[in-house]
Structure formats: C-alpha cells, structure tokens
Amino acid sequence: MNGKIIKSGTLFIERDGKLKSQGCPTKADSDCGDWCALFGEPTISKWIGGPDPNEKDRELNPKHWNLQLCRRTLYFDELIDERKHTTSTL
C-alpha cells in the first residue's frame, strides 16, 4: 500500500492508482489527519527484506513505514510525509 501525509496533515492512501483522502471513522465530515490525538507518527518498519532501519539517512527513505491510527496500524510499502519538509518559526 502507498500513502502520503500532505503538509496540512491529511492522510491520503492510493486506491485504484489514485491518492484519495481518508475519512475519519469516528467523526462524520472529517478527514483522517495529524490533528487527531490518536494519529501516530510514522515509524520505520522492520520487515524482513525491507531497508535496514539503521542505515544512514533512513528517515529520508519513503519505503516500508508503519502508521498507527485510532483503530489499527497501517503498513506502507511507500509513505511520503510532506510535513517533514516544512519549516516553522516560533
């Protein structure tokens, strides 16, 4: 499965060759995204045959990530997190 978290924090999953935003299973008319307290941060999978989780700059590789959500953990072959490419000033 392939997915993307866009800069605003909304989760998209590839379905039928197209990225589609995912709805919240508990709140009608809301997308699944990082504003939810139950939306986890992507973590590196440790699948057999996957990239070495300890390799240099592993966090820049979009292959084999897990994402824990409110009802389950999703396992991605490729997950692009556009939020990591933003800068903020305080």
N, C-alpha and C. Protein backbone atom coordinates (compact mmCIF):
# COMPACT_ATOMS: atom_id res chain seq x y z
N MET A 1 0.85 -1.17 0.00
CA MET A 1 0.00 0.00 0.00
C MET A 1 0.90 1.23 0.00
N ASN A 2 0.49 2.25 -0.73
CA ASN A 2 1.22 3.52 -0.79
C ASN A 2 0.36 4.63 -0.20
N GLY A 3 1.02 5.60 0.42
CA GLY A 3 0.28 6.70 1.01
C GLY A 3 1.10 7.96 1.10
N LYS A 4 0.42 9.01 1.54
CA LYS A 4 1.07 10.32 1.68
C LYS A 4 0.35 11.09 2.79
N ILE A 5 1.15 11.78 3.59
CA ILE A 5 0.62 12.75 4.54
C ILE A 5 1.00 14.12 3.98
N ILE A 6 0.00 14.91 3.60
CA ILE A 6 0.30 16.20 2.98
C ILE A 6 0.67 17.22 4.05
N LYS A 7 1.15 18.38 3.62
CA LYS A 7 1.65 19.41 4.56
C LYS A 7 0.63 19.80 5.62
N SER A 8 -0.65 19.77 5.27
CA SER A 8 -1.69 20.13 6.24
C SER A 8 -1.95 19.03 7.26
N GLY A 9 -1.38 17.82 7.02
CA GLY A 9 -1.54 16.71 7.96
C GLY A 9 -2.57 15.67 7.55
N THR A 10 -3.26 15.86 6.43
CA THR A 10 -4.27 14.91 5.97
C THR A 10 -3.62 13.67 5.38
N LEU A 11 -4.18 12.50 5.72
CA LEU A 11 -3.69 11.23 5.21
C LEU A 11 -4.38 10.88 3.90
N PHE A 12 -3.57 10.52 2.90
CA PHE A 12 -4.06 10.03 1.61
C PHE A 12 -3.52 8.62 1.42
N ILE A 13 -4.36 7.73 0.87
CA ILE A 13 -3.95 6.38 0.54
C ILE A 13 -4.26 6.13 -0.93
N GLU A 14 -3.32 5.44 -1.59
CA GLU A 14 -3.52 5.14 -3.00
C GLU A 14 -4.57 4.04 -3.15
N ARG A 15 -5.60 4.37 -3.91
CA ARG A 15 -6.67 3.42 -4.20
C ARG A 15 -6.93 3.48 -5.70
N ASP A 16 -6.90 2.35 -6.35
CA ASP A 16 -7.13 2.27 -7.80
C ASP A 16 -6.21 3.22 -8.57
N GLY A 17 -4.95 3.32 -8.10
CA GLY A 17 -3.95 4.13 -8.79
C GLY A 17 -4.02 5.62 -8.51
N LYS A 18 -4.93 6.06 -7.62
CA LYS A 18 -5.07 7.49 -7.30
C LYS A 18 -4.99 7.69 -5.79
N LEU A 19 -4.34 8.78 -5.37
CA LEU A 19 -4.31 9.11 -3.95
C LEU A 19 -5.65 9.71 -3.54
N LYS A 20 -6.24 9.16 -2.48
CA LYS A 20 -7.54 9.62 -2.01
C LYS A 20 -7.46 9.93 -0.52
N SER A 21 -8.05 11.06 -0.12
CA SER A 21 -8.05 11.41 1.30
C SER A 21 -8.90 10.39 2.05
N GLN A 22 -8.51 10.14 3.28
CA GLN A 22 -9.19 9.14 4.10
C GLN A 22 -10.05 9.82 5.14
N GLY A 23 -11.28 9.37 5.25
CA GLY A 23 -12.21 9.94 6.21
C GLY A 23 -11.96 9.40 7.61
N CYS A 24 -12.39 10.17 8.58
CA CYS A 24 -12.30 9.76 9.98
C CYS A 24 -13.41 8.73 10.26
N PRO A 25 -13.07 7.60 10.90
CA PRO A 25 -14.10 6.61 11.19
C PRO A 25 -15.01 6.98 12.37
N THR A 26 -14.65 7.99 13.13
CA THR A 26 -15.44 8.34 14.31
C THR A 26 -16.14 9.69 14.21
N LYS A 27 -15.72 10.53 13.27
CA LYS A 27 -16.31 11.87 13.16
C LYS A 27 -16.72 12.11 11.71
N ALA A 28 -18.01 12.23 11.49
CA ALA A 28 -18.53 12.45 10.14
C ALA A 28 -18.00 13.76 9.58
N ASP A 29 -17.80 13.80 8.29
CA ASP A 29 -17.37 15.01 7.57
C ASP A 29 -16.00 15.51 8.02
N SER A 30 -15.12 14.61 8.45
CA SER A 30 -13.77 14.98 8.83
C SER A 30 -12.79 14.00 8.19
N ASP A 31 -11.64 14.51 7.78
CA ASP A 31 -10.60 13.65 7.23
C ASP A 31 -9.75 13.09 8.36
N CYS A 32 -9.07 11.99 8.06
CA CYS A 32 -8.08 11.43 8.98
C CYS A 32 -6.82 12.27 8.86
N GLY A 33 -6.29 12.74 9.99
CA GLY A 33 -5.11 13.57 9.92
C GLY A 33 -4.42 13.74 11.26
N ASP A 34 -3.31 14.45 11.23
CA ASP A 34 -2.47 14.56 12.42
C ASP A 34 -3.01 15.50 13.49
N TRP A 35 -4.16 16.12 13.27
CA TRP A 35 -4.78 16.94 14.31
C TRP A 35 -5.49 16.06 15.34
N CYS A 36 -5.65 14.77 15.01
CA CYS A 36 -6.29 13.82 15.93
C CYS A 36 -5.26 13.31 16.94
N ALA A 37 -5.66 13.21 18.19
CA ALA A 37 -4.76 12.72 19.24
C ALA A 37 -4.36 11.26 19.03
N LEU A 38 -5.14 10.51 18.25
CA LEU A 38 -4.87 9.09 18.03
C LEU A 38 -4.10 8.82 16.73
N PHE A 39 -3.66 9.88 16.05
CA PHE A 39 -2.88 9.76 14.82
C PHE A 39 -1.41 9.72 15.22
N GLY A 40 -0.77 8.57 15.02
CA GLY A 40 0.62 8.41 15.42
C GLY A 40 1.59 9.01 14.42
N GLU A 41 2.85 9.01 14.79
CA GLU A 41 3.90 9.43 13.86
C GLU A 41 4.39 8.20 13.11
N PRO A 42 4.72 8.35 11.83
CA PRO A 42 5.22 7.21 11.09
C PRO A 42 6.48 6.64 11.74
N THR A 43 6.56 5.31 11.76
CA THR A 43 7.74 4.65 12.29
C THR A 43 8.29 3.69 11.24
N ILE A 44 9.57 3.44 11.32
CA ILE A 44 10.23 2.57 10.36
C ILE A 44 9.83 1.13 10.62
N SER A 45 9.39 0.44 9.56
CA SER A 45 9.09 -0.99 9.67
C SER A 45 10.38 -1.77 9.76
N LYS A 46 10.28 -2.91 10.36
CA LYS A 46 11.44 -3.80 10.44
C LYS A 46 11.08 -5.12 9.76
N TRP A 47 10.50 -5.00 8.55
CA TRP A 47 10.12 -6.17 7.79
C TRP A 47 11.34 -6.90 7.29
N ILE A 48 11.26 -8.20 7.22
CA ILE A 48 12.33 -8.98 6.61
C ILE A 48 12.39 -8.60 5.14
N GLY A 49 13.59 -8.28 4.67
CA GLY A 49 13.77 -7.89 3.28
C GLY A 49 13.58 -6.40 3.04
N GLY A 50 13.16 -5.65 4.06
CA GLY A 50 13.00 -4.21 3.93
C GLY A 50 14.34 -3.51 4.10
N PRO A 51 14.36 -2.20 3.88
CA PRO A 51 15.61 -1.45 4.08
C PRO A 51 16.09 -1.55 5.53
N ASP A 52 17.38 -1.48 5.72
CA ASP A 52 17.97 -1.53 7.05
C ASP A 52 17.52 -0.31 7.84
N PRO A 53 16.80 -0.50 8.96
CA PRO A 53 16.31 0.66 9.73
C PRO A 53 17.43 1.49 10.34
N ASN A 54 18.65 0.96 10.39
CA ASN A 54 19.76 1.69 10.99
C ASN A 54 20.66 2.37 9.96
N GLU A 55 20.31 2.28 8.67
CA GLU A 55 21.16 2.90 7.66
C GLU A 55 21.14 4.42 7.77
N LYS A 56 22.22 5.04 7.31
CA LYS A 56 22.34 6.49 7.36
C LYS A 56 21.20 7.14 6.57
N ASP A 57 20.61 8.17 7.11
CA ASP A 57 19.52 8.92 6.48
C ASP A 57 18.30 8.05 6.19
N ARG A 58 18.07 7.00 6.98
CA ARG A 58 16.92 6.10 6.76
C ARG A 58 15.61 6.86 6.77
N GLU A 59 15.50 7.91 7.58
CA GLU A 59 14.24 8.64 7.68
C GLU A 59 13.87 9.34 6.38
N LEU A 60 14.82 9.50 5.46
CA LEU A 60 14.54 10.14 4.18
C LEU A 60 14.02 9.14 3.14
N ASN A 61 14.11 7.84 3.43
CA ASN A 61 13.67 6.79 2.52
C ASN A 61 12.19 6.53 2.74
N PRO A 62 11.33 6.68 1.71
CA PRO A 62 9.89 6.50 1.90
C PRO A 62 9.43 5.05 1.95
N LYS A 63 10.34 4.09 1.86
CA LYS A 63 9.96 2.68 1.79
C LYS A 63 9.77 2.06 3.17
N HIS A 64 8.69 1.29 3.31
CA HIS A 64 8.41 0.44 4.48
C HIS A 64 8.27 1.23 5.79
N TRP A 65 7.13 1.83 5.95
CA TRP A 65 6.80 2.58 7.18
C TRP A 65 5.49 2.05 7.76
N ASN A 66 5.32 2.21 9.06
CA ASN A 66 4.08 1.90 9.76
C ASN A 66 3.46 3.21 10.22
N LEU A 67 2.13 3.24 10.30
CA LEU A 67 1.43 4.42 10.83
C LEU A 67 0.30 3.93 11.72
N GLN A 68 0.42 4.21 13.01
CA GLN A 68 -0.61 3.80 13.97
C GLN A 68 -1.72 4.84 13.99
N LEU A 69 -2.95 4.35 13.80
CA LEU A 69 -4.13 5.23 13.82
C LEU A 69 -5.06 4.79 14.95
N CYS A 70 -6.22 5.37 15.02
CA CYS A 70 -7.13 5.12 16.14
C CYS A 70 -7.58 3.66 16.24
N ARG A 71 -7.78 3.01 15.11
CA ARG A 71 -8.33 1.66 15.15
C ARG A 71 -7.38 0.58 14.68
N ARG A 72 -6.28 0.96 14.03
CA ARG A 72 -5.33 -0.05 13.55
C ARG A 72 -4.03 0.59 13.13
N THR A 73 -3.06 -0.24 12.86
CA THR A 73 -1.79 0.22 12.32
C THR A 73 -1.77 -0.12 10.84
N LEU A 74 -1.43 0.86 10.03
CA LEU A 74 -1.30 0.64 8.58
C LEU A 74 0.15 0.39 8.25
N TYR A 75 0.39 -0.51 7.31
CA TYR A 75 1.73 -0.87 6.87
C TYR A 75 1.89 -0.43 5.42
N PHE A 76 2.83 0.46 5.17
CA PHE A 76 3.01 1.04 3.85
C PHE A 76 4.25 0.50 3.17
N ASP A 77 4.12 0.20 1.88
CA ASP A 77 5.29 -0.07 1.05
C ASP A 77 6.03 1.23 0.82
N GLU A 78 5.26 2.31 0.65
CA GLU A 78 5.84 3.64 0.49
C GLU A 78 4.93 4.66 1.15
N LEU A 79 5.50 5.49 2.02
CA LEU A 79 4.75 6.56 2.69
C LEU A 79 5.57 7.84 2.60
N ILE A 80 5.01 8.84 1.95
CA ILE A 80 5.68 10.13 1.82
C ILE A 80 5.05 11.08 2.83
N ASP A 81 5.88 11.67 3.66
CA ASP A 81 5.41 12.60 4.69
C ASP A 81 5.89 14.00 4.32
N GLU A 82 4.99 14.77 3.74
CA GLU A 82 5.35 16.13 3.29
C GLU A 82 5.51 17.10 4.45
N ARG A 83 5.05 16.73 5.62
CA ARG A 83 5.17 17.63 6.78
C ARG A 83 6.61 17.81 7.21
N LYS A 84 7.48 16.85 6.93
CA LYS A 84 8.87 16.93 7.35
C LYS A 84 9.66 17.93 6.53
N HIS A 85 9.10 18.41 5.45
CA HIS A 85 9.81 19.33 4.57
C HIS A 85 9.38 20.78 4.81
N THR A 86 8.68 21.01 5.89
CA THR A 86 8.24 22.36 6.19
C THR A 86 9.11 22.94 7.32
N THR A 87 9.19 24.24 7.36
CA THR A 87 9.92 24.87 8.44
C THR A 87 8.96 25.80 9.18
N SER A 88 9.21 25.97 10.44
CA SER A 88 8.37 26.87 11.21
C SER A 88 9.26 27.78 12.03
N THR A 89 8.73 28.94 12.34
CA THR A 89 9.46 29.87 13.21
C THR A 89 8.60 30.14 14.42
N LEU A 90 9.23 30.20 15.55
CA LEU A 90 8.49 30.45 16.79
C LEU A 90 8.79 31.84 17.30
